[in-house]
Protein backbone atom coordinates (compact mmCIF):
# COMPACT_ATOMS: atom_id res chain seq x y z
CA MET A 1 119.26 47.72 1.52
CA LYS A 2 119.80 47.53 5.28
CA THR A 3 119.11 43.78 5.20
CA TYR A 4 121.63 43.32 2.39
CA LEU A 5 124.34 45.19 4.30
CA THR A 6 123.61 43.10 7.41
CA VAL A 7 123.97 39.84 5.49
CA LEU A 8 127.15 41.06 3.80
CA LEU A 9 128.68 42.09 7.12
CA ALA A 10 127.81 38.74 8.67
CA PHE A 11 129.43 36.92 5.74
CA LEU A 12 132.62 38.98 5.99
CA LEU A 13 132.87 38.29 9.72
CA ALA A 14 132.30 34.58 9.20
CA ALA A 15 134.71 34.18 6.26
CA PRO A 16 137.86 33.88 8.43
CA VAL A 17 136.09 31.24 10.51
CA PHE A 18 135.19 29.25 7.38
CA ALA A 19 138.78 29.49 6.15
CA GLN A 20 140.10 28.33 9.50
CA ASP A 21 137.69 25.38 9.58
CA ASN A 22 138.77 24.39 6.07
CA MET A 23 142.41 24.39 7.15
CA THR A 24 141.67 22.12 10.09
CA VAL A 25 139.64 19.58 8.11
CA PRO A 26 141.87 16.63 7.08
CA LEU A 27 141.76 16.21 3.32
CA ILE A 28 142.94 13.84 0.63
CA GLU A 29 142.88 15.72 -2.69
CA VAL A 30 143.03 13.65 -5.87
CA GLU A 31 142.60 14.10 -9.60
CA GLY A 32 140.58 11.56 -11.57
CA VAL A 33 141.28 11.10 -15.26
CA SER A 34 139.54 9.10 -17.96
CA GLU A 35 140.81 8.79 -21.51
CA ARG A 36 139.63 7.37 -24.79
CA LYS A 37 141.25 7.13 -28.18
CA ILE A 38 138.74 7.37 -30.96
CA ALA A 39 138.85 7.90 -34.71
CA PRO A 40 137.61 11.35 -35.76
CA ASP A 41 134.19 11.14 -37.37
CA GLU A 42 134.03 14.63 -38.87
CA ALA A 43 136.02 16.49 -41.52
CA ALA A 44 135.83 20.29 -41.48
CA PHE A 45 137.15 22.51 -44.26
CA GLN A 46 137.81 26.02 -42.92
CA ILE A 47 137.87 28.82 -45.50
CA ASN A 48 138.55 32.45 -44.57
CA LEU A 49 137.45 34.99 -47.16
CA GLU A 50 138.56 38.62 -47.24
CA GLU A 51 137.77 41.37 -49.72
CA LYS A 52 138.85 45.04 -49.79
CA ALA A 53 137.08 47.84 -51.65
CA MET A 54 136.54 51.57 -51.39
CA LYS A 55 132.81 51.06 -50.85
CA VAL A 56 131.14 48.74 -48.35
CA THR A 57 128.67 47.48 -50.94
CA ASP A 58 131.44 46.55 -53.37
CA ALA A 59 133.37 44.56 -50.75
CA VAL A 60 130.22 42.78 -49.60
CA GLN A 61 129.08 41.95 -53.11
CA VAL A 62 132.41 40.34 -54.02
CA LEU A 63 132.38 38.36 -50.77
CA ASN A 64 128.84 37.15 -51.40
CA LYS A 65 129.79 36.22 -54.94
CA LYS A 66 132.66 34.03 -53.72
CA THR A 67 130.34 32.29 -51.28
CA GLU A 68 127.80 31.74 -54.04
CA LEU A 69 130.47 30.32 -56.37
CA LEU A 70 131.53 27.81 -53.71
CA SER A 71 127.95 26.81 -53.00
CA ASN A 72 127.26 26.27 -56.70
CA ALA A 73 130.51 24.32 -57.16
CA LEU A 74 129.59 21.92 -54.35
CA LYS A 75 126.13 21.41 -55.78
CA LYS A 76 127.51 20.87 -59.28
CA ALA A 77 129.93 18.23 -57.98
CA LYS A 78 126.96 16.45 -56.36
CA ILE A 79 128.71 16.20 -53.01
CA LYS A 80 126.94 13.86 -50.61
CA ASP A 81 126.11 14.59 -46.98
CA TYR A 82 127.73 17.95 -46.24
CA LYS A 83 126.89 21.29 -44.64
CA LEU A 84 128.10 24.67 -45.84
CA ILE A 85 128.17 27.02 -42.85
CA ALA A 86 128.84 30.77 -43.04
CA ASP A 87 129.75 32.68 -39.88
CA ASN A 88 132.02 35.37 -38.39
CA TYR A 89 130.86 37.95 -40.92
CA SER A 90 132.28 41.45 -40.43
CA VAL A 91 132.97 44.71 -42.27
CA ASP A 92 135.64 47.08 -40.95
CA VAL A 93 137.40 50.22 -42.02
CA ASN A 94 140.61 49.32 -43.85
CA ARG A 95 143.33 51.21 -42.00
CA ILE A 96 146.81 51.26 -43.44
CA TYR A 97 150.04 52.54 -41.93
CA ARG A 98 152.76 54.23 -43.96
CA GLY A 99 155.66 56.25 -42.72
CA GLY A 100 154.39 56.11 -39.17
CA THR A 101 151.04 57.63 -40.08
CA GLN A 102 147.59 56.05 -40.27
CA ARG A 103 144.94 56.62 -42.88
CA ASP A 104 141.70 54.97 -43.95
CA SER A 105 141.57 53.27 -47.32
CA GLY A 106 138.09 51.94 -47.94
CA TYR A 107 136.70 48.86 -46.22
CA VAL A 108 137.53 45.21 -45.69
CA ALA A 109 134.83 42.54 -45.51
CA ARG A 110 135.51 39.14 -43.94
CA GLN A 111 133.59 35.91 -43.90
CA SER A 112 134.36 32.42 -42.59
CA LEU A 113 133.00 29.41 -44.43
CA ARG A 114 133.02 25.82 -43.22
CA VAL A 115 132.26 22.71 -45.21
CA VAL A 116 131.52 19.97 -42.69
CA THR A 117 131.05 16.34 -43.59
CA ASN A 118 131.72 12.79 -42.41
CA SER A 119 135.44 11.97 -42.11
CA LYS A 120 134.92 8.86 -44.24
CA ASN A 121 132.98 10.63 -46.95
CA GLU A 122 134.14 9.35 -50.33
CA ASP A 123 133.63 12.85 -51.75
CA LEU A 124 136.40 14.56 -49.72
CA GLN A 125 138.53 14.93 -52.83
CA LYS A 126 135.58 16.39 -54.72
CA ILE A 127 135.12 18.98 -51.97
CA ILE A 128 138.77 20.00 -52.31
CA GLU A 129 138.40 20.29 -56.07
CA SER A 130 135.21 22.35 -55.65
CA ILE A 131 136.97 24.79 -53.31
CA GLN A 132 139.90 25.09 -55.70
CA GLY A 133 137.58 25.64 -58.64
CA ALA A 134 135.45 28.26 -56.89
CA GLY A 135 138.19 30.91 -56.79
CA ASP A 136 141.45 31.91 -55.17
CA MET A 137 140.77 30.41 -51.74
CA SER A 138 143.08 29.01 -49.09
CA PHE A 139 141.71 26.51 -46.61
CA ASN A 140 142.49 24.18 -43.74
CA LEU A 141 141.16 20.66 -43.37
CA ASN A 142 140.73 19.38 -39.82
CA PHE A 143 139.63 15.92 -38.79
CA GLN A 144 137.77 16.12 -35.50
CA LEU A 145 135.19 14.59 -33.20
CA SER A 146 131.66 15.73 -33.87
CA GLU A 147 129.63 17.37 -31.12
CA ALA A 148 127.24 14.40 -31.12
CA THR A 149 130.10 11.96 -30.50
CA GLN A 150 131.47 14.10 -27.67
CA LYS A 151 128.08 14.23 -25.98
CA SER A 152 127.60 10.47 -26.32
CA LEU A 153 130.87 9.89 -24.45
CA GLU A 154 130.31 12.52 -21.76
CA ASN A 155 128.64 10.31 -19.13
CA GLU A 156 131.01 7.39 -19.68
CA LEU A 157 134.09 9.58 -19.35
CA LEU A 158 132.74 11.29 -16.24
CA THR A 159 131.93 7.96 -14.55
CA GLU A 160 135.38 6.59 -15.34
CA ALA A 161 137.10 9.75 -14.07
CA LEU A 162 135.18 9.63 -10.77
CA LYS A 163 136.06 5.96 -10.29
CA ASN A 164 139.69 6.77 -11.03
CA ALA A 165 139.67 9.52 -8.40
CA GLU A 166 138.06 7.16 -5.87
CA SER A 167 140.65 4.47 -6.58
CA ARG A 168 143.51 6.89 -6.00
CA ALA A 169 142.00 8.21 -2.77
CA LEU A 170 141.43 4.69 -1.41
CA LEU A 171 145.02 3.74 -2.20
CA ILE A 172 146.28 6.77 -0.28
CA ALA A 173 143.95 6.00 2.64
CA GLN A 174 145.01 2.35 2.83
CA THR A 175 148.69 3.26 2.66
CA LEU A 176 148.26 5.73 5.52
CA ASN A 177 146.08 3.34 7.55
CA ILE A 178 142.99 5.55 7.30
CA LYS A 179 139.99 3.29 7.88
CA SER A 180 137.29 5.18 5.98
CA ILE A 181 136.98 8.32 3.88
CA ARG A 182 134.06 10.30 2.52
CA VAL A 183 133.65 12.86 -0.24
CA GLN A 184 134.05 16.49 0.82
CA ARG A 185 133.91 18.27 -2.55
CA VAL A 186 133.86 17.49 -6.26
CA SER A 187 134.76 19.77 -9.16
CA LEU A 188 135.26 18.99 -12.82
CA ASP A 189 136.34 20.49 -16.09
CA SER A 190 133.34 21.83 -17.97
CA GLN A 191 134.43 20.37 -21.31
CA PRO A 192 136.42 17.28 -22.28
CA ILE A 193 140.01 17.85 -23.35
CA ILE A 194 140.52 16.80 -26.96
CA GLN A 195 143.98 16.24 -28.40
CA SER A 196 143.84 16.68 -32.17
CA TYR A 197 146.51 15.18 -34.39
CA ALA A 198 145.16 15.36 -37.92
CA LYS A 199 145.30 18.65 -39.75
CA MET A 200 145.94 19.65 -43.34
CA GLU A 201 146.80 23.17 -44.49
CA MET A 202 146.32 23.74 -48.19
CA MET A 203 146.81 26.64 -50.56
CA ARG A 204 145.33 26.78 -54.01
CA SER A 205 148.24 26.93 -56.45
CA SER A 206 146.46 25.83 -59.60
CA ALA A 207 143.21 24.24 -60.64
CA ASP A 208 145.07 21.02 -61.49
CA ALA A 209 146.90 20.73 -58.17
CA ALA A 210 145.24 17.91 -56.25
CA PRO A 211 146.56 17.52 -52.69
CA THR A 212 147.20 14.04 -51.37
CA MET A 213 144.66 12.85 -48.83
CA ILE A 214 145.74 11.51 -45.47
CA ASN A 215 144.29 9.01 -43.06
CA PRO A 216 143.69 10.84 -39.77
CA ASP A 217 145.13 9.41 -36.57
CA ASP A 218 142.94 8.58 -33.62
CA GLN A 219 142.17 11.49 -31.34
CA ARG A 220 142.51 11.37 -27.59
CA ILE A 221 139.64 12.70 -25.50
CA GLU A 222 140.06 13.21 -21.76
CA LYS A 223 137.85 14.09 -18.81
CA ARG A 224 139.27 15.32 -15.49
CA VAL A 225 137.63 15.63 -12.09
CA TYR A 226 139.03 16.91 -8.80
CA VAL A 227 137.75 15.30 -5.61
CA LYS A 228 138.47 16.11 -1.97
CA TYR A 229 137.95 13.34 0.59
CA THR A 230 137.96 13.73 4.35
CA TRP A 231 137.95 11.43 7.39
CA GLN A 232 137.63 11.56 11.15
């Protein structure tokens, strides 16, 4: 404990010195950016289920039944190459407010379902019809970049962003007649920035209502780095 306090005290005494040194070090601070436009390779149907009942078991059973109906509908339609993912399951007390007062009225069970497939899957329309036929479900359809695609681009984007930062720093140095610079510090965004453009929101109005499919636009994926250069 005594050693810890000694180290902490030494750090606190040295901190102003470090800050002062940092202020006196000449710096060129630049942002490096890399960008790609790429067609989304994944289609994700997001379905949010909710069921209220006076008993927990009743709410859960109905929720499970809806999930089972969707699973069976997808299998019956012989959909190719898809994943049905269930997550964000929860059961909460159903609290209602009337006349400024609160009271409990049974329970509410929630479950998120995702049907994920290739964006060019010829069975997209069949998936929509299966969801519509499985019950009274609303859903969103998002076209997005798969995790595998994002990872495959990670190194390329990072390299391009670093080169972009270096190019900007060298331009500044040459303009100001600074002969040579060196890297002082590098920081980067942990995840690429993805700009999504394609999204469809759909509500089931009738079993015969077939929504029109769209061709998703390219998505823009960005990587940003922040580099500090110094010189003497």
